[in-house]
């Protein structure tokens, strides 16, 4: 899948850095709720993880 356009949109919206690591989108900082909602809007099965 082409995650790069999604990553660019998330980084811009959250005002944060990020990368793709082993097929997982990682956004720096605590933007879990915003990122999860945006990914669900894009049709991805997003779930929260981490601290």
PDB file of N, CA and C in Angstrom:
ATOM      1  N   UNK A   1       0.840  -1.196   0.000  1.00  0.00           N
ATOM      2  CA  UNK A   1       0.000   0.000   0.000  1.00  0.00           C
ATOM      3  C   UNK A   1       0.874   1.245   0.000  1.00  0.00           C
ATOM      4  N   UNK A   2       0.308   2.312  -0.461  1.00  0.00           N
ATOM      5  CA  UNK A   2       1.034   3.577  -0.505  1.00  0.00           C
ATOM      6  C   UNK A   2       0.700   4.406   0.727  1.00  0.00           C
ATOM      7  N   UNK A   3       1.521   4.238   1.761  1.00  0.00           N
ATOM      8  CA  UNK A   3       1.286   4.961   3.011  1.00  0.00           C
ATOM      9  C   UNK A   3       1.867   6.367   2.997  1.00  0.00           C
ATOM     10  N   UNK A   4       2.767   6.655   2.068  1.00  0.00           N
ATOM     11  CA  UNK A   4       3.463   7.949   2.100  1.00  0.00           C
ATOM     12  C   UNK A   4       2.527   9.140   1.990  1.00  0.00           C
ATOM     13  N   UNK A   5       1.509   9.151   1.109  1.00  0.00           N
ATOM     14  CA  UNK A   5       0.596  10.310   1.087  1.00  0.00           C
ATOM     15  C   UNK A   5      -0.193  10.446   2.394  1.00  0.00           C
ATOM     16  N   UNK A   6      -0.551   9.321   2.993  1.00  0.00           N
ATOM     17  CA  UNK A   6      -1.274   9.349   4.269  1.00  0.00           C
ATOM     18  C   UNK A   6      -0.362   9.902   5.351  1.00  0.00           C
ATOM     19  N   UNK A   7       0.881   9.456   5.370  1.00  0.00           N
ATOM     20  CA  UNK A   7       1.842   9.943   6.351  1.00  0.00           C
ATOM     21  C   UNK A   7       2.044  11.441   6.211  1.00  0.00           C
ATOM     22  N   UNK A   8       2.195  11.922   4.997  1.00  0.00           N
ATOM     23  CA  UNK A   8       2.390  13.353   4.774  1.00  0.00           C
ATOM     24  C   UNK A   8       1.197  14.151   5.288  1.00  0.00           C
ATOM     25  N   UNK A   9      -0.007  13.656   5.052  1.00  0.00           N
ATOM     26  CA  UNK A   9      -1.209  14.331   5.528  1.00  0.00           C
ATOM     27  C   UNK A   9      -1.257  14.347   7.048  1.00  0.00           C
ATOM     28  N   UNK A  10      -0.950  13.226   7.688  1.00  0.00           N
ATOM     29  CA  UNK A  10      -0.944  13.147   9.149  1.00  0.00           C
ATOM     30  C   UNK A  10       0.103  14.073   9.754  1.00  0.00           C
ATOM     31  N   UNK A  11       1.301  14.064   9.202  1.00  0.00           N
ATOM     32  CA  UNK A  11       2.363  14.919   9.720  1.00  0.00           C
ATOM     33  C   UNK A  11       1.971  16.384   9.628  1.00  0.00           C
ATOM     34  N   UNK A  12       1.386  16.757   8.514  1.00  0.00           N
ATOM     35  CA  UNK A  12       0.966  18.140   8.322  1.00  0.00           C
ATOM     36  C   UNK A  12      -0.148  18.522   9.286  1.00  0.00           C
ATOM     37  N   UNK A  13      -1.120  17.667   9.435  1.00  0.00           N
ATOM     38  CA  UNK A  13      -2.261  17.942  10.302  1.00  0.00           C
ATOM     39  C   UNK A  13      -1.861  18.010  11.773  1.00  0.00           C
ATOM     40  N   UNK A  14      -0.949  17.135  12.177  1.00  0.00           N
ATOM     41  CA  UNK A  14      -0.531  17.081  13.582  1.00  0.00           C
ATOM     42  C   UNK A  14       0.610  18.051  13.883  1.00  0.00           C
ATOM     43  N   UNK A  15       1.258  18.564  12.854  1.00  0.00           N
ATOM     44  CA  UNK A  15       2.398  19.443  13.071  1.00  0.00           C
ATOM     45  C   UNK A  15       3.540  18.689  13.735  1.00  0.00           C
ATOM     46  N   UNK A  16       3.761  17.462  13.297  1.00  0.00           N
ATOM     47  CA  UNK A  16       4.760  16.612  13.926  1.00  0.00           C
ATOM     48  C   UNK A  16       5.537  15.844  12.876  1.00  0.00           C
ATOM     49  N   UNK A  17       6.638  15.259  13.300  1.00  0.00           N
ATOM     50  CA  UNK A  17       7.412  14.393  12.429  1.00  0.00           C
ATOM     51  C   UNK A  17       6.845  12.989  12.460  1.00  0.00           C
ATOM     52  N   UNK A  18       7.322  12.167  11.570  1.00  0.00           N
ATOM     53  CA  UNK A  18       6.862  10.789  11.552  1.00  0.00           C
ATOM     54  C   UNK A  18       7.572   9.998  10.483  1.00  0.00           C
ATOM     55  N   UNK A  19       7.338   8.685  10.503  1.00  0.00           N
ATOM     56  CA  UNK A  19       7.971   7.783   9.548  1.00  0.00           C
ATOM     57  C   UNK A  19       7.110   6.542   9.386  1.00  0.00           C
ATOM     58  N   UNK A  20       7.526   5.688   8.478  1.00  0.00           N
ATOM     59  CA  UNK A  20       6.893   4.378   8.307  1.00  0.00           C
ATOM     60  C   UNK A  20       7.947   3.342   8.659  1.00  0.00           C
ATOM     61  N   UNK A  21       7.621   2.455   9.595  1.00  0.00           N
ATOM     62  CA  UNK A  21       8.564   1.449  10.070  1.00  0.00           C
ATOM     63  C   UNK A  21       7.890   0.085  10.006  1.00  0.00           C
ATOM     64  N   UNK A  22       8.367  -0.795   9.138  1.00  0.00           N
ATOM     65  CA  UNK A  22       7.806  -2.143   8.964  1.00  0.00           C
ATOM     66  C   UNK A  22       6.308  -2.111   8.695  1.00  0.00           C
ATOM     67  N   UNK A  23       5.863  -1.187   7.836  1.00  0.00           N
ATOM     68  CA  UNK A  23       4.451  -1.100   7.474  1.00  0.00           C
ATOM     69  C   UNK A  23       3.579  -0.419   8.507  1.00  0.00           C
ATOM     70  N   UNK A  24       4.185   0.181   9.535  1.00  0.00           N
ATOM     71  CA  UNK A  24       3.444   0.880  10.575  1.00  0.00           C
ATOM     72  C   UNK A  24       3.751   2.364  10.498  1.00  0.00           C
ATOM     73  N   UNK A  25       2.723   3.187  10.489  1.00  0.00           N
ATOM     74  CA  UNK A  25       2.916   4.634  10.491  1.00  0.00           C
ATOM     75  C   UNK A  25       3.187   5.072  11.921  1.00  0.00           C
ATOM     76  N   UNK A  26       4.281   5.822  12.117  1.00  0.00           N
ATOM     77  CA  UNK A  26       4.645   6.330  13.432  1.00  0.00           C
ATOM     78  C   UNK A  26       4.691   7.849  13.383  1.00  0.00           C
ATOM     79  N   UNK A  27       3.934   8.486  14.283  1.00  0.00           N
ATOM     80  CA  UNK A  27       3.902   9.942  14.385  1.00  0.00           C
ATOM     81  C   UNK A  27       4.527  10.329  15.719  1.00  0.00           C
ATOM     82  N   UNK A  28       5.401  11.325  15.718  1.00  0.00           N
ATOM     83  CA  UNK A  28       6.046  11.765  16.948  1.00  0.00           C
ATOM     84  C   UNK A  28       5.074  12.555  17.810  1.00  0.00           C
ATOM     85  N   UNK A  29       5.168  12.366  19.103  1.00  0.00           N
ATOM     86  CA  UNK A  29       4.320  13.096  20.037  1.00  0.00           C
ATOM     87  C   UNK A  29       3.029  12.344  20.330  1.00  0.00           C
ATOM     88  N   UNK A  30       2.180  12.948  21.130  1.00  0.00           N
ATOM     89  CA  UNK A  30       0.930  12.315  21.540  1.00  0.00           C
ATOM     90  C   UNK A  30      -0.213  12.810  20.659  1.00  0.00           C
ATOM     91  N   UNK A  31      -0.329  12.242  19.476  1.00  0.00           N
ATOM     92  CA  UNK A  31      -1.369  12.605  18.512  1.00  0.00           C
ATOM     93  C   UNK A  31      -2.215  11.385  18.189  1.00  0.00           C
ATOM     94  N   UNK A  32      -2.291  10.454  19.132  1.00  0.00           N
ATOM     95  CA  UNK A  32      -2.949   9.173  18.863  1.00  0.00           C
ATOM     96  C   UNK A  32      -4.406   9.343  18.471  1.00  0.00           C
ATOM     97  N   UNK A  33      -5.159  10.130  19.212  1.00  0.00           N
ATOM     98  CA  UNK A  33      -6.587  10.260  18.891  1.00  0.00           C
ATOM     99  C   UNK A  33      -6.803  10.890  17.529  1.00  0.00           C
ATOM    100  N   UNK A  34      -6.113  11.999  17.267  1.00  0.00           N
ATOM    101  CA  UNK A  34      -6.259  12.684  15.979  1.00  0.00           C
ATOM    102  C   UNK A  34      -5.836  11.771  14.833  1.00  0.00           C
ATOM    103  N   UNK A  35      -4.702  11.097  14.994  1.00  0.00           N
ATOM    104  CA  UNK A  35      -4.200  10.215  13.936  1.00  0.00           C
ATOM    105  C   UNK A  35      -5.154   9.049  13.714  1.00  0.00           C
ATOM    106  N   UNK A  36      -5.657   8.469  14.779  1.00  0.00           N
ATOM    107  CA  UNK A  36      -6.576   7.339  14.644  1.00  0.00           C
ATOM    108  C   UNK A  36      -7.844   7.757  13.897  1.00  0.00           C
ATOM    109  N   UNK A  37      -8.405   8.902  14.257  1.00  0.00           N
ATOM    110  CA  UNK A  37      -9.620   9.369  13.578  1.00  0.00           C
ATOM    111  C   UNK A  37      -9.358   9.648  12.103  1.00  0.00           C
ATOM    112  N   UNK A  38      -8.221  10.267  11.797  1.00  0.00           N
ATOM    113  CA  UNK A  38      -7.900  10.559  10.396  1.00  0.00           C
ATOM    114  C   UNK A  38      -7.707   9.272   9.603  1.00  0.00           C
ATOM    115  N   UNK A  39      -7.015   8.285  10.191  1.00  0.00           N
ATOM    116  CA  UNK A  39      -6.802   7.019   9.488  1.00  0.00           C
ATOM    117  C   UNK A  39      -8.117   6.294   9.245  1.00  0.00           C
ATOM    118  N   UNK A  40      -8.996   6.333  10.213  1.00  0.00           N
ATOM    119  CA  UNK A  40     -10.317   5.716  10.022  1.00  0.00           C
ATOM    120  C   UNK A  40     -11.089   6.431   8.922  1.00  0.00           C
ATOM    121  N   UNK A  41     -10.963   7.758   8.848  1.00  0.00           N
ATOM    122  CA  UNK A  41     -11.617   8.510   7.764  1.00  0.00           C
ATOM    123  C   UNK A  41     -11.079   8.085   6.399  1.00  0.00           C
ATOM    124  N   UNK A  42      -9.788   7.723   6.351  1.00  0.00           N
ATOM    125  CA  UNK A  42      -9.173   7.256   5.105  1.00  0.00           C
ATOM    126  C   UNK A  42      -9.516   5.802   4.803  1.00  0.00           C
ATOM    127  N   UNK A  43     -10.200   5.123   5.735  1.00  0.00           N
ATOM    128  CA  UNK A  43     -10.620   3.751   5.506  1.00  0.00           C
ATOM    129  C   UNK A  43      -9.668   2.689   6.047  1.00  0.00           C
ATOM    130  N   UNK A  44      -8.703   3.085   6.877  1.00  0.00           N
ATOM    131  CA  UNK A  44      -7.767   2.138   7.462  1.00  0.00           C
ATOM    132  C   UNK A  44      -8.278   1.661   8.822  1.00  0.00           C
ATOM    133  N   UNK A  45      -7.983   0.416   9.199  1.00  0.00           N
ATOM    134  CA  UNK A  45      -8.409  -0.106  10.500  1.00  0.00           C
ATOM    135  C   UNK A  45      -7.423   0.339  11.590  1.00  0.00           C
ATOM    136  N   UNK A  46      -7.556   1.554  12.055  1.00  0.00           N
ATOM    137  CA  UNK A  46      -6.610   2.127  13.017  1.00  0.00           C
ATOM    138  C   UNK A  46      -6.973   1.756  14.445  1.00  0.00           C
ATOM    139  N   UNK A  47      -5.950   1.509  15.250  1.00  0.00           N
ATOM    140  CA  UNK A  47      -6.136   1.291  16.685  1.00  0.00           C
ATOM    141  C   UNK A  47      -5.023   2.000  17.436  1.00  0.00           C
ATOM    142  N   UNK A  48      -5.309   2.400  18.657  1.00  0.00           N
ATOM    143  CA  UNK A  48      -4.310   3.085  19.473  1.00  0.00           C
ATOM    144  C   UNK A  48      -3.387   2.062  20.119  1.00  0.00           C
ATOM    145  N   UNK A  49      -2.132   2.463  20.286  1.00  0.00           N
ATOM    146  CA  UNK A  49      -1.175   1.634  21.004  1.00  0.00           C
ATOM    147  C   UNK A  49      -0.176   2.554  21.700  1.00  0.00           C
ATOM    148  N   UNK A  50       0.581   1.999  22.555  1.00  0.00           N
ATOM    149  CA  UNK A  50       1.609   2.786  23.253  1.00  0.00           C
ATOM    150  C   UNK A  50       1.046   3.485  24.486  1.00  0.00           C
ATOM    151  N   UNK A  51       1.950   4.251  25.122  1.00  0.00           N
ATOM    152  CA  UNK A  51       1.708   4.880  26.400  1.00  0.00           C
ATOM    153  C   UNK A  51       0.607   5.806  26.473  1.00  0.00           C
TER     154      UNK A  51
END
